[in-house]
Amino acid sequence: MTAARTLLEGNTTESVAAIGRIVASGFRDPEGLFYLSRHLAHLNESAAALDLLDRVVGGGFFCYPAMARDPWLDSLRKKPAFTKLLRRAEKQHGEAAAAFERFAGDTMFGAASP
């Protein structure tokens, strides 16, 4: 909350510091870390955002559609490291979707049409 509040208040330094505290705390949820990486990118903290995004993808969050379209990641799009991460996320996303289909995940989780 501090990271978001200070972002809205225009206090970039404290927002980045709050994210740093969360990351240093051992917080490991890759989706939660994704939101922190996009927050860093929005604040033009490209190196930190890319480092955290690498951790996110490595940690198992590879929602390619979100990463490909999120406007808060736009500052990273021309960076080769981002392109590499995005391709890695796309590959893992495709593999997960194929496994879901192969194992009839739609019917397993009750998502199939009647």
PDB file of N, CA and C in Angstrom:
ATOM      1  N   MET A   1       0.821  -1.189   0.000  1.00  0.00           N
ATOM      2  CA  MET A   1       0.000   0.000   0.000  1.00  0.00           C
ATOM      3  C   MET A   1       0.871   1.261   0.000  1.00  0.00           C
ATOM      4  N   THR A   2       1.973   1.205   0.723  1.00  0.00           N
ATOM      5  CA  THR A   2       2.850   2.376   0.771  1.00  0.00           C
ATOM      6  C   THR A   2       3.409   2.692  -0.610  1.00  0.00           C
ATOM      7  N   ALA A   3       3.787   1.658  -1.343  1.00  0.00           N
ATOM      8  CA  ALA A   3       4.333   1.872  -2.683  1.00  0.00           C
ATOM      9  C   ALA A   3       3.293   2.547  -3.581  1.00  0.00           C
ATOM     10  N   ALA A   4       2.061   2.098  -3.521  1.00  0.00           N
ATOM     11  CA  ALA A   4       1.001   2.675  -4.344  1.00  0.00           C
ATOM     12  C   ALA A   4       0.634   4.084  -3.875  1.00  0.00           C
ATOM     13  N   ARG A   5       0.505   4.257  -2.575  1.00  0.00           N
ATOM     14  CA  ARG A   5       0.130   5.570  -2.041  1.00  0.00           C
ATOM     15  C   ARG A   5       1.178   6.615  -2.412  1.00  0.00           C
ATOM     16  N   THR A   6       2.448   6.273  -2.208  1.00  0.00           N
ATOM     17  CA  THR A   6       3.498   7.247  -2.499  1.00  0.00           C
ATOM     18  C   THR A   6       3.636   7.503  -3.996  1.00  0.00           C
ATOM     19  N   LEU A   7       3.319   6.528  -4.810  1.00  0.00           N
ATOM     20  CA  LEU A   7       3.286   6.746  -6.260  1.00  0.00           C
ATOM     21  C   LEU A   7       2.226   7.800  -6.586  1.00  0.00           C
ATOM     22  N   LEU A   8       1.032   7.617  -6.027  1.00  0.00           N
ATOM     23  CA  LEU A   8      -0.059   8.561  -6.281  1.00  0.00           C
ATOM     24  C   LEU A   8       0.252   9.957  -5.749  1.00  0.00           C
ATOM     25  N   GLU A   9       1.016  10.021  -4.688  1.00  0.00           N
ATOM     26  CA  GLU A   9       1.402  11.309  -4.107  1.00  0.00           C
ATOM     27  C   GLU A   9       2.566  11.964  -4.849  1.00  0.00           C
ATOM     28  N   GLY A  10       3.162  11.231  -5.789  1.00  0.00           N
ATOM     29  CA  GLY A  10       4.285  11.762  -6.540  1.00  0.00           C
ATOM     30  C   GLY A  10       5.624  11.623  -5.833  1.00  0.00           C
ATOM     31  N   ASN A  11       5.671  10.785  -4.812  1.00  0.00           N
ATOM     32  CA  ASN A  11       6.905  10.580  -4.050  1.00  0.00           C
ATOM     33  C   ASN A  11       7.605   9.329  -4.578  1.00  0.00           C
ATOM     34  N   THR A  12       8.287   9.510  -5.697  1.00  0.00           N
ATOM     35  CA  THR A  12       8.953   8.400  -6.379  1.00  0.00           C
ATOM     36  C   THR A  12       9.974   7.708  -5.488  1.00  0.00           C
ATOM     37  N   THR A  13      10.761   8.468  -4.788  1.00  0.00           N
ATOM     38  CA  THR A  13      11.823   7.903  -3.953  1.00  0.00           C
ATOM     39  C   THR A  13      11.251   6.948  -2.915  1.00  0.00           C
ATOM     40  N   GLU A  14      10.205   7.353  -2.227  1.00  0.00           N
ATOM     41  CA  GLU A  14       9.613   6.484  -1.198  1.00  0.00           C
ATOM     42  C   GLU A  14       8.889   5.299  -1.826  1.00  0.00           C
ATOM     43  N   SER A  15       8.292   5.488  -2.987  1.00  0.00           N
ATOM     44  CA  SER A  15       7.615   4.387  -3.667  1.00  0.00           C
ATOM     45  C   SER A  15       8.616   3.297  -4.030  1.00  0.00           C
ATOM     46  N   VAL A  16       9.746   3.704  -4.601  1.00  0.00           N
ATOM     47  CA  VAL A  16      10.792   2.743  -4.960  1.00  0.00           C
ATOM     48  C   VAL A  16      11.350   2.079  -3.701  1.00  0.00           C
ATOM     49  N   ALA A  17      11.534   2.850  -2.650  1.00  0.00           N
ATOM     50  CA  ALA A  17      12.049   2.295  -1.388  1.00  0.00           C
ATOM     51  C   ALA A  17      11.079   1.273  -0.807  1.00  0.00           C
ATOM     52  N   ALA A  18       9.789   1.548  -0.879  1.00  0.00           N
ATOM     53  CA  ALA A  18       8.780   0.611  -0.369  1.00  0.00           C
ATOM     54  C   ALA A  18       8.832  -0.709  -1.141  1.00  0.00           C
ATOM     55  N   ILE A  19       8.996  -0.612  -2.450  1.00  0.00           N
ATOM     56  CA  ILE A  19       9.116  -1.831  -3.258  1.00  0.00           C
ATOM     57  C   ILE A  19      10.373  -2.587  -2.859  1.00  0.00           C
ATOM     58  N   GLY A  20      11.452  -1.870  -2.666  1.00  0.00           N
ATOM     59  CA  GLY A  20      12.698  -2.504  -2.238  1.00  0.00           C
ATOM     60  C   GLY A  20      12.539  -3.265  -0.928  1.00  0.00           C
ATOM     61  N   ARG A  21      11.786  -2.681   0.000  1.00  0.00           N
ATOM     62  CA  ARG A  21      11.550  -3.363   1.281  1.00  0.00           C
ATOM     63  C   ARG A  21      10.745  -4.647   1.087  1.00  0.00           C
ATOM     64  N   ILE A  22       9.763  -4.598   0.216  1.00  0.00           N
ATOM     65  CA  ILE A  22       8.946  -5.791  -0.051  1.00  0.00           C
ATOM     66  C   ILE A  22       9.810  -6.888  -0.674  1.00  0.00           C
ATOM     67  N   VAL A  23      10.570  -6.517  -1.677  1.00  0.00           N
ATOM     68  CA  VAL A  23      11.419  -7.493  -2.380  1.00  0.00           C
ATOM     69  C   VAL A  23      12.450  -8.090  -1.425  1.00  0.00           C
ATOM     70  N   ALA A  24      13.044  -7.255  -0.575  1.00  0.00           N
ATOM     71  CA  ALA A  24      14.066  -7.722   0.375  1.00  0.00           C
ATOM     72  C   ALA A  24      13.476  -8.567   1.501  1.00  0.00           C
ATOM     73  N   SER A  25      12.173  -8.476   1.703  1.00  0.00           N
ATOM     74  CA  SER A  25      11.529  -9.195   2.805  1.00  0.00           C
ATOM     75  C   SER A  25      11.430 -10.700   2.575  1.00  0.00           C
ATOM     76  N   GLY A  26      11.715 -11.121   1.359  1.00  0.00           N
ATOM     77  CA  GLY A  26      11.569 -12.539   1.053  1.00  0.00           C
ATOM     78  C   GLY A  26      10.215 -12.861   0.427  1.00  0.00           C
ATOM     79  N   PHE A  27       9.424 -11.839   0.159  1.00  0.00           N
ATOM     80  CA  PHE A  27       8.138 -12.022  -0.519  1.00  0.00           C
ATOM     81  C   PHE A  27       8.397 -12.752  -1.829  1.00  0.00           C
ATOM     82  N   ARG A  28       7.691 -13.868  -2.061  1.00  0.00           N
ATOM     83  CA  ARG A  28       8.025 -14.712  -3.210  1.00  0.00           C
ATOM     84  C   ARG A  28       6.890 -14.916  -4.205  1.00  0.00           C
ATOM     85  N   ASP A  29       5.737 -14.367  -3.962  1.00  0.00           N
ATOM     86  CA  ASP A  29       4.613 -14.583  -4.875  1.00  0.00           C
ATOM     87  C   ASP A  29       4.928 -13.949  -6.234  1.00  0.00           C
ATOM     88  N   PRO A  30       5.110 -14.770  -7.289  1.00  0.00           N
ATOM     89  CA  PRO A  30       5.535 -14.209  -8.570  1.00  0.00           C
ATOM     90  C   PRO A  30       4.524 -13.246  -9.190  1.00  0.00           C
ATOM     91  N   GLU A  31       3.235 -13.463  -8.978  1.00  0.00           N
ATOM     92  CA  GLU A  31       2.264 -12.515  -9.539  1.00  0.00           C
ATOM     93  C   GLU A  31       2.339 -11.186  -8.790  1.00  0.00           C
ATOM     94  N   GLY A  32       2.463 -11.254  -7.478  1.00  0.00           N
ATOM     95  CA  GLY A  32       2.625 -10.027  -6.705  1.00  0.00           C
ATOM     96  C   GLY A  32       3.880  -9.272  -7.110  1.00  0.00           C
ATOM     97  N   LEU A  33       4.957 -10.017  -7.344  1.00  0.00           N
ATOM     98  CA  LEU A  33       6.206  -9.398  -7.789  1.00  0.00           C
ATOM     99  C   LEU A  33       6.063  -8.805  -9.193  1.00  0.00           C
ATOM    100  N   PHE A  34       5.221  -9.413 -10.024  1.00  0.00           N
ATOM    101  CA  PHE A  34       4.955  -8.852 -11.348  1.00  0.00           C
ATOM    102  C   PHE A  34       4.401  -7.433 -11.217  1.00  0.00           C
ATOM    103  N   TYR A  35       3.436  -7.268 -10.319  1.00  0.00           N
ATOM    104  CA  TYR A  35       2.852  -5.945 -10.143  1.00  0.00           C
ATOM    105  C   TYR A  35       3.872  -4.944  -9.614  1.00  0.00           C
ATOM    106  N   LEU A  36       4.803  -5.409  -8.807  1.00  0.00           N
ATOM    107  CA  LEU A  36       5.864  -4.522  -8.333  1.00  0.00           C
ATOM    108  C   LEU A  36       6.831  -4.178  -9.477  1.00  0.00           C
ATOM    109  N   SER A  37       7.104  -5.135 -10.366  1.00  0.00           N
ATOM    110  CA  SER A  37       8.008  -4.864 -11.489  1.00  0.00           C
ATOM    111  C   SER A  37       7.396  -3.841 -12.447  1.00  0.00           C
ATOM    112  N   ARG A  38       6.106  -3.934 -12.679  1.00  0.00           N
ATOM    113  CA  ARG A  38       5.454  -2.962 -13.564  1.00  0.00           C
ATOM    114  C   ARG A  38       5.407  -1.587 -12.919  1.00  0.00           C
ATOM    115  N   HIS A  39       5.275  -1.571 -11.609  1.00  0.00           N
ATOM    116  CA  HIS A  39       5.301  -0.330 -10.848  1.00  0.00           C
ATOM    117  C   HIS A  39       6.676   0.338 -11.022  1.00  0.00           C
ATOM    118  N   LEU A  40       7.749  -0.455 -10.894  1.00  0.00           N
ATOM    119  CA  LEU A  40       9.103   0.064 -11.090  1.00  0.00           C
ATOM    120  C   LEU A  40       9.295   0.585 -12.511  1.00  0.00           C
ATOM    121  N   ALA A  41       8.784  -0.145 -13.485  1.00  0.00           N
ATOM    122  CA  ALA A  41       8.897   0.296 -14.878  1.00  0.00           C
ATOM    123  C   ALA A  41       8.172   1.632 -15.070  1.00  0.00           C
ATOM    124  N   HIS A  42       7.019   1.755 -14.474  1.00  0.00           N
ATOM    125  CA  HIS A  42       6.239   2.993 -14.559  1.00  0.00           C
ATOM    126  C   HIS A  42       7.005   4.172 -13.956  1.00  0.00           C
ATOM    127  N   LEU A  43       7.822   3.887 -12.958  1.00  0.00           N
ATOM    128  CA  LEU A  43       8.629   4.920 -12.301  1.00  0.00           C
ATOM    129  C   LEU A  43       9.998   5.113 -12.977  1.00  0.00           C
ATOM    130  N   ASN A  44      10.166   4.495 -14.146  1.00  0.00           N
ATOM    131  CA  ASN A  44      11.417   4.587 -14.923  1.00  0.00           C
ATOM    132  C   ASN A  44      12.622   4.004 -14.195  1.00  0.00           C
ATOM    133  N   GLU A  45      12.373   2.999 -13.397  1.00  0.00           N
ATOM    134  CA  GLU A  45      13.441   2.252 -12.722  1.00  0.00           C
ATOM    135  C   GLU A  45      13.673   0.975 -13.536  1.00  0.00           C
ATOM    136  N   SER A  46      14.172   1.154 -14.754  1.00  0.00           N
ATOM    137  CA  SER A  46      14.251   0.066 -15.727  1.00  0.00           C
ATOM    138  C   SER A  46      15.089  -1.116 -15.265  1.00  0.00           C
ATOM    139  N   ALA A  47      16.277  -0.871 -14.743  1.00  0.00           N
ATOM    140  CA  ALA A  47      17.158  -1.972 -14.344  1.00  0.00           C
ATOM    141  C   ALA A  47      16.510  -2.801 -13.240  1.00  0.00           C
ATOM    142  N   ALA A  48      15.958  -2.133 -12.242  1.00  0.00           N
ATOM    143  CA  ALA A  48      15.299  -2.856 -11.144  1.00  0.00           C
ATOM    144  C   ALA A  48      14.062  -3.593 -11.650  1.00  0.00           C
ATOM    145  N   ALA A  49      13.317  -2.950 -12.551  1.00  0.00           N
ATOM    146  CA  ALA A  49      12.115  -3.586 -13.104  1.00  0.00           C
ATOM    147  C   ALA A  49      12.475  -4.848 -13.876  1.00  0.00           C
ATOM    148  N   LEU A  50      13.520  -4.780 -14.686  1.00  0.00           N
ATOM    149  CA  LEU A  50      13.940  -5.941 -15.477  1.00  0.00           C
ATOM    150  C   LEU A  50      14.470  -7.062 -14.582  1.00  0.00           C
ATOM    151  N   ASP A  51      15.238  -6.711 -13.562  1.00  0.00           N
ATOM    152  CA  ASP A  51      15.728  -7.731 -12.627  1.00  0.00           C
ATOM    153  C   ASP A  51      14.563  -8.448 -11.953  1.00  0.00           C
ATOM    154  N   LEU A  52      13.584  -7.661 -11.511  1.00  0.00           N
ATOM    155  CA  LEU A  52      12.444  -8.261 -10.826  1.00  0.00           C
ATOM    156  C   LEU A  52      11.582  -9.061 -11.804  1.00  0.00           C
ATOM    157  N   LEU A  53      11.429  -8.575 -13.008  1.00  0.00           N
ATOM    158  CA  LEU A  53      10.654  -9.301 -14.012  1.00  0.00           C
ATOM    159  C   LEU A  53      11.308 -10.633 -14.363  1.00  0.00           C
ATOM    160  N   ASP A  54      12.616 -10.661 -14.372  1.00  0.00           N
ATOM    161  CA  ASP A  54      13.332 -11.921 -14.587  1.00  0.00           C
ATOM    162  C   ASP A  54      12.996 -12.902 -13.459  1.00  0.00           C
ATOM    163  N   ARG A  55      12.972 -12.417 -12.253  1.00  0.00           N
ATOM    164  CA  ARG A  55      12.593 -13.244 -11.090  1.00  0.00           C
ATOM    165  C   ARG A  55      11.141 -13.721 -11.197  1.00  0.00           C
ATOM    166  N   VAL A  56      10.280 -12.850 -11.690  1.00  0.00           N
ATOM    167  CA  VAL A  56       8.859 -13.172 -11.860  1.00  0.00           C
ATOM    168  C   VAL A  56       8.681 -14.343 -12.823  1.00  0.00           C
ATOM    169  N   VAL A  57       9.279 -14.227 -13.997  1.00  0.00           N
ATOM    170  CA  VAL A  57       9.149 -15.279 -15.012  1.00  0.00           C
ATOM    171  C   VAL A  57       9.812 -16.559 -14.510  1.00  0.00           C
ATOM    172  N   GLY A  58      10.976 -16.439 -13.918  1.00  0.00           N
ATOM    173  CA  GLY A  58      11.658 -17.600 -13.357  1.00  0.00           C
ATOM    174  C   GLY A  58      10.883 -18.250 -12.227  1.00  0.00           C
ATOM    175  N   GLY A  59      10.076 -17.442 -11.536  1.00  0.00           N
ATOM    176  CA  GLY A  59       9.288 -17.947 -10.416  1.00  0.00           C
ATOM    177  C   GLY A  59       7.963 -18.575 -10.810  1.00  0.00           C
ATOM    178  N   GLY A  60       7.654 -18.540 -12.102  1.00  0.00           N
ATOM    179  CA  GLY A  60       6.456 -19.244 -12.564  1.00  0.00           C
ATOM    180  C   GLY A  60       5.289 -18.370 -12.978  1.00  0.00           C
ATOM    181  N   PHE A  61       5.450 -17.056 -12.993  1.00  0.00           N
ATOM    182  CA  PHE A  61       4.381 -16.198 -13.508  1.00  0.00           C
ATOM    183  C   PHE A  61       4.792 -15.747 -14.897  1.00  0.00           C
ATOM    184  N   PHE A  62       4.099 -16.279 -15.885  1.00  0.00           N
ATOM    185  CA  PHE A  62       4.452 -15.966 -17.274  1.00  0.00           C
ATOM    186  C   PHE A  62       3.186 -15.731 -18.080  1.00  0.00           C
ATOM    187  N   CYS A  63       2.364 -14.824 -17.570  1.00  0.00           N
ATOM    188  CA  CYS A  63       1.119 -14.467 -18.248  1.00  0.00           C
ATOM    189  C   CYS A  63       1.460 -13.537 -19.419  1.00  0.00           C
ATOM    190  N   TYR A  64       1.785 -14.159 -20.527  1.00  0.00           N
ATOM    191  CA  TYR A  64       2.241 -13.430 -21.701  1.00  0.00           C
ATOM    192  C   TYR A  64       1.274 -12.326 -22.135  1.00  0.00           C
ATOM    193  N   PRO A  65      -0.040 -12.579 -22.201  1.00  0.00           N
ATOM    194  CA  PRO A  65      -0.925 -11.498 -22.648  1.00  0.00           C
ATOM    195  C   PRO A  65      -0.806 -10.237 -21.785  1.00  0.00           C
ATOM    196  N   ALA A  66      -0.700 -10.398 -20.490  1.00  0.00           N
ATOM    197  CA  ALA A  66      -0.572  -9.233 -19.604  1.00  0.00           C
ATOM    198  C   ALA A  66       0.749  -8.519 -19.848  1.00  0.00           C
ATOM    199  N   MET A  67       1.811  -9.269 -19.979  1.00  0.00           N
ATOM    200  CA  MET A  67       3.133  -8.668 -20.172  1.00  0.00           C
ATOM    201  C   MET A  67       3.240  -7.990 -21.540  1.00  0.00           C
ATOM    202  N   ALA A  68       2.608  -8.568 -22.532  1.00  0.00           N
ATOM    203  CA  ALA A  68       2.691  -8.025 -23.889  1.00  0.00           C
ATOM    204  C   ALA A  68       1.881  -6.743 -24.048  1.00  0.00           C
ATOM    205  N   ARG A  69       0.859  -6.555 -23.226  1.00  0.00           N
ATOM    206  CA  ARG A  69      -0.054  -5.424 -23.429  1.00  0.00           C
ATOM    207  C   ARG A  69      -0.034  -4.368 -22.336  1.00  0.00           C
ATOM    208  N   ASP A  70       0.583  -4.640 -21.234  1.00  0.00           N
ATOM    209  CA  ASP A  70       0.537  -3.718 -20.103  1.00  0.00           C
ATOM    210  C   ASP A  70       1.238  -2.400 -20.435  1.00  0.00           C
ATOM    211  N   PRO A  71       0.516  -1.284 -20.457  1.00  0.00           N
ATOM    212  CA  PRO A  71       1.141  -0.008 -20.805  1.00  0.00           C
ATOM    213  C   PRO A  71       2.196   0.453 -19.787  1.00  0.00           C
ATOM    214  N   TRP A  72       2.135  -0.039 -18.568  1.00  0.00           N
ATOM    215  CA  TRP A  72       3.138   0.343 -17.571  1.00  0.00           C
ATOM    216  C   TRP A  72       4.494  -0.282 -17.889  1.00  0.00           C
ATOM    217  N   LEU A  73       4.530  -1.247 -18.768  1.00  0.00           N
ATOM    218  CA  LEU A  73       5.803  -1.856 -19.167  1.00  0.00           C
ATOM    219  C   LEU A  73       6.358  -1.238 -20.446  1.00  0.00           C
ATOM    220  N   ASP A  74       5.687  -0.251 -20.985  1.00  0.00           N
ATOM    221  CA  ASP A  74       6.100   0.342 -22.258  1.00  0.00           C
ATOM    222  C   ASP A  74       7.524   0.886 -22.228  1.00  0.00           C
ATOM    223  N   SER A  75       7.964   1.398 -21.093  1.00  0.00           N
ATOM    224  CA  SER A  75       9.320   1.955 -21.017  1.00  0.00           C
ATOM    225  C   SER A  75      10.396   0.885 -21.196  1.00  0.00           C
ATOM    226  N   LEU A  76      10.009  -0.378 -21.078  1.00  0.00           N
ATOM    227  CA  LEU A  76      10.963  -1.485 -21.200  1.00  0.00           C
ATOM    228  C   LEU A  76      10.973  -2.120 -22.583  1.00  0.00           C
ATOM    229  N   ARG A  77       9.991  -1.854 -23.385  1.00  0.00           N
ATOM    230  CA  ARG A  77       9.772  -2.602 -24.626  1.00  0.00           C
ATOM    231  C   ARG A  77      10.921  -2.561 -25.620  1.00  0.00           C
ATOM    232  N   LYS A  78      11.703  -1.515 -25.648  1.00  0.00           N
ATOM    233  CA  LYS A  78      12.810  -1.415 -26.611  1.00  0.00           C
ATOM    234  C   LYS A  78      14.101  -2.001 -26.064  1.00  0.00           C
ATOM    235  N   LYS A  79      14.067  -2.497 -24.868  1.00  0.00           N
ATOM    236  CA  LYS A  79      15.271  -3.054 -24.248  1.00  0.00           C
ATOM    237  C   LYS A  79      15.393  -4.543 -24.601  1.00  0.00           C
ATOM    238  N   PRO A  80      16.552  -4.956 -25.087  1.00  0.00           N
ATOM    239  CA  PRO A  80      16.747  -6.364 -25.456  1.00  0.00           C
ATOM    240  C   PRO A  80      16.450  -7.329 -24.308  1.00  0.00           C
ATOM    241  N   ALA A  81      16.760  -6.937 -23.078  1.00  0.00           N
ATOM    242  CA  ALA A  81      16.496  -7.817 -21.932  1.00  0.00           C
ATOM    243  C   ALA A  81      14.994  -8.053 -21.767  1.00  0.00           C
ATOM    244  N   PHE A  82      14.199  -7.018 -22.028  1.00  0.00           N
ATOM    245  CA  PHE A  82      12.747  -7.184 -21.932  1.00  0.00           C
ATOM    246  C   PHE A  82      12.246  -8.101 -23.042  1.00  0.00           C
ATOM    247  N   THR A  83      12.750  -7.889 -24.248  1.00  0.00           N
ATOM    248  CA  THR A  83      12.343  -8.734 -25.374  1.00  0.00           C
ATOM    249  C   THR A  83      12.645 -10.196 -25.069  1.00  0.00           C
ATOM    250  N   LYS A  84      13.805 -10.445 -24.518  1.00  0.00           N
ATOM    251  CA  LYS A  84      14.188 -11.813 -24.160  1.00  0.00           C
ATOM    252  C   LYS A  84      13.235 -12.384 -23.092  1.00  0.00           C
ATOM    253  N   LEU A  85      12.925 -11.597 -22.078  1.00  0.00           N
ATOM    254  CA  LEU A  85      11.992 -12.053 -21.031  1.00  0.00           C
ATOM    255  C   LEU A  85      10.596 -12.292 -21.596  1.00  0.00           C
ATOM    256  N   LEU A  86      10.159 -11.396 -22.465  1.00  0.00           N
ATOM    257  CA  LEU A  86       8.833 -11.534 -23.061  1.00  0.00           C
ATOM    258  C   LEU A  86       8.745 -12.807 -23.903  1.00  0.00           C
ATOM    259  N   ARG A  87       9.787 -13.097 -24.658  1.00  0.00           N
ATOM    260  CA  ARG A  87       9.801 -14.332 -25.470  1.00  0.00           C
ATOM    261  C   ARG A  87       9.790 -15.561 -24.564  1.00  0.00           C
ATOM    262  N   ARG A  88      10.546 -15.510 -23.474  1.00  0.00           N
ATOM    263  CA  ARG A  88      10.567 -16.616 -22.523  1.00  0.00           C
ATOM    264  C   ARG A  88       9.177 -16.813 -21.912  1.00  0.00           C
ATOM    265  N   ALA A  89       8.523 -15.717 -21.555  1.00  0.00           N
ATOM    266  CA  ALA A  89       7.173 -15.792 -20.997  1.00  0.00           C
ATOM    267  C   ALA A  89       6.196 -16.353 -22.033  1.00  0.00           C
ATOM    268  N   GLU A  90       6.338 -15.915 -23.274  1.00  0.00           N
ATOM    269  CA  GLU A  90       5.459 -16.402 -24.343  1.00  0.00           C
ATOM    270  C   GLU A  90       5.613 -17.915 -24.520  1.00  0.00           C
ATOM    271  N   LYS A  91       6.848 -18.381 -24.509  1.00  0.00           N
ATOM    272  CA  LYS A  91       7.116 -19.810 -24.672  1.00  0.00           C
ATOM    273  C   LYS A  91       6.502 -20.608 -23.515  1.00  0.00           C
ATOM    274  N   GLN A  92       6.735 -20.152 -22.292  1.00  0.00           N
ATOM    275  CA  GLN A  92       6.209 -20.872 -21.129  1.00  0.00           C
ATOM    276  C   GLN A  92       4.680 -20.801 -21.088  1.00  0.00           C
ATOM    277  N   HIS A  93       4.122 -19.673 -21.477  1.00  0.00           N
ATOM    278  CA  HIS A  93       2.667 -19.526 -21.527  1.00  0.00           C
ATOM    279  C   HIS A  93       2.077 -20.517 -22.531  1.00  0.00           C
ATOM    280  N   GLY A  94       2.709 -20.617 -23.688  1.00  0.00           N
ATOM    281  CA  GLY A  94       2.247 -21.562 -24.709  1.00  0.00           C
ATOM    282  C   GLY A  94       2.345 -23.005 -24.240  1.00  0.00           C
ATOM    283  N   GLU A  95       3.436 -23.336 -23.562  1.00  0.00           N
ATOM    284  CA  GLU A  95       3.603 -24.699 -23.037  1.00  0.00           C
ATOM    285  C   GLU A  95       2.538 -25.011 -21.991  1.00  0.00           C
ATOM    286  N   ALA A  96       2.246 -24.055 -21.129  1.00  0.00           N
ATOM    287  CA  ALA A  96       1.221 -24.260 -20.100  1.00  0.00           C
ATOM    288  C   ALA A  96      -0.162 -24.422 -20.739  1.00  0.00           C
ATOM    289  N   ALA A  97      -0.454 -23.608 -21.748  1.00  0.00           N
ATOM    290  CA  ALA A  97      -1.747 -23.705 -22.436  1.00  0.00           C
ATOM    291  C   ALA A  97      -1.882 -25.059 -23.137  1.00  0.00           C
ATOM    292  N   ALA A  98      -0.797 -25.528 -23.748  1.00  0.00           N
ATOM    293  CA  ALA A  98      -0.833 -26.829 -24.421  1.00  0.00           C
ATOM    294  C   ALA A  98      -1.037 -27.958 -23.418  1.00  0.00           C
ATOM    295  N   ALA A  99      -0.373 -27.872 -22.277  1.00  0.00           N
ATOM    296  CA  ALA A  99      -0.551 -28.903 -21.245  1.00  0.00           C
ATOM    297  C   ALA A  99      -1.971 -28.877 -20.703  1.00  0.00           C
ATOM    298  N   PHE A 100      -2.522 -27.704 -20.516  1.00  0.00           N
ATOM    299  CA  PHE A 100      -3.894 -27.565 -20.035  1.00  0.00           C
ATOM    300  C   PHE A 100      -4.858 -28.248 -21.008  1.00  0.00           C
ATOM    301  N   GLU A 101      -4.636 -27.997 -22.288  1.00  0.00           N
ATOM    302  CA  GLU A 101      -5.484 -28.604 -23.314  1.00  0.00           C
ATOM    303  C   GLU A 101      -5.266 -30.119 -23.388  1.00  0.00           C
ATOM    304  N   ARG A 102      -4.010 -30.533 -23.346  1.00  0.00           N
ATOM    305  CA  ARG A 102      -3.667 -31.952 -23.445  1.00  0.00           C
ATOM    306  C   ARG A 102      -4.306 -32.759 -22.322  1.00  0.00           C
ATOM    307  N   PHE A 103      -4.374 -32.184 -21.147  1.00  0.00           N
ATOM    308  CA  PHE A 103      -4.926 -32.894 -20.001  1.00  0.00           C
ATOM    309  C   PHE A 103      -6.384 -32.527 -19.727  1.00  0.00           C
ATOM    310  N   ALA A 104      -7.044 -31.961 -20.738  1.00  0.00           N
ATOM    311  CA  ALA A 104      -8.465 -31.614 -20.672  1.00  0.00           C
ATOM    312  C   ALA A 104      -8.775 -30.749 -19.446  1.00  0.00           C
ATOM    313  N   GLY A 105      -7.929 -29.764 -19.219  1.00  0.00           N
ATOM    314  CA  GLY A 105      -8.100 -28.872 -18.076  1.00  0.00           C
ATOM    315  C   GLY A 105      -9.438 -28.176 -18.064  1.00  0.00           C
ATOM    316  N   ASP A 106      -9.972 -27.884 -19.243  1.00  0.00           N
ATOM    317  CA  ASP A 106     -11.271 -27.207 -19.279  1.00  0.00           C
ATOM    318  C   ASP A 106     -12.366 -28.051 -18.671  1.00  0.00           C
ATOM    319  N   THR A 107     -12.327 -29.346 -18.890  1.00  0.00           N
ATOM    320  CA  THR A 107     -13.349 -30.221 -18.292  1.00  0.00           C
ATOM    321  C   THR A 107     -12.998 -30.565 -16.848  1.00  0.00           C
ATOM    322  N   MET A 108     -11.718 -30.658 -16.550  1.00  0.00           N
ATOM    323  CA  MET A 108     -11.297 -30.975 -15.193  1.00  0.00           C
ATOM    324  C   MET A 108     -11.748 -29.915 -14.213  1.00  0.00           C
ATOM    325  N   PHE A 109     -11.722 -28.668 -14.643  1.00  0.00           N
ATOM    326  CA  PHE A 109     -12.065 -27.559 -13.753  1.00  0.00           C
ATOM    327  C   PHE A 109     -13.475 -27.041 -13.999  1.00  0.00           C
ATOM    328  N   GLY A 110     -14.255 -27.777 -14.756  1.00  0.00           N
ATOM    329  CA  GLY A 110     -15.643 -27.405 -14.970  1.00  0.00           C
ATOM    330  C   GLY A 110     -15.832 -26.202 -15.872  1.00  0.00           C
ATOM    331  N   ALA A 111     -14.864 -25.931 -16.730  1.00  0.00           N
ATOM    332  CA  ALA A 111     -14.957 -24.761 -17.603  1.00  0.00           C
ATOM    333  C   ALA A 111     -15.506 -25.124 -18.982  1.00  0.00           C
ATOM    334  N   ALA A 112     -15.762 -26.395 -19.216  1.00  0.00           N
ATOM    335  CA  ALA A 112     -16.245 -26.815 -20.531  1.00  0.00           C
ATOM    336  C   ALA A 112     -17.705 -26.427 -20.720  1.00  0.00           C
ATOM    337  N   SER A 113     -18.067 -26.152 -21.968  1.00  0.00           N
ATOM    338  CA  SER A 113     -19.468 -25.870 -22.257  1.00  0.00           C
ATOM    339  C   SER A 113     -20.290 -27.140 -22.157  1.00  0.00           C
ATOM    340  N   PRO A 114     -21.537 -26.997 -21.760  1.00  0.00           N
ATOM    341  CA  PRO A 114     -22.402 -28.200 -21.639  1.00  0.00           C
ATOM    342  C   PRO A 114     -22.729 -28.807 -22.977  1.00  0.00           C
TER     343      PRO A 114
END
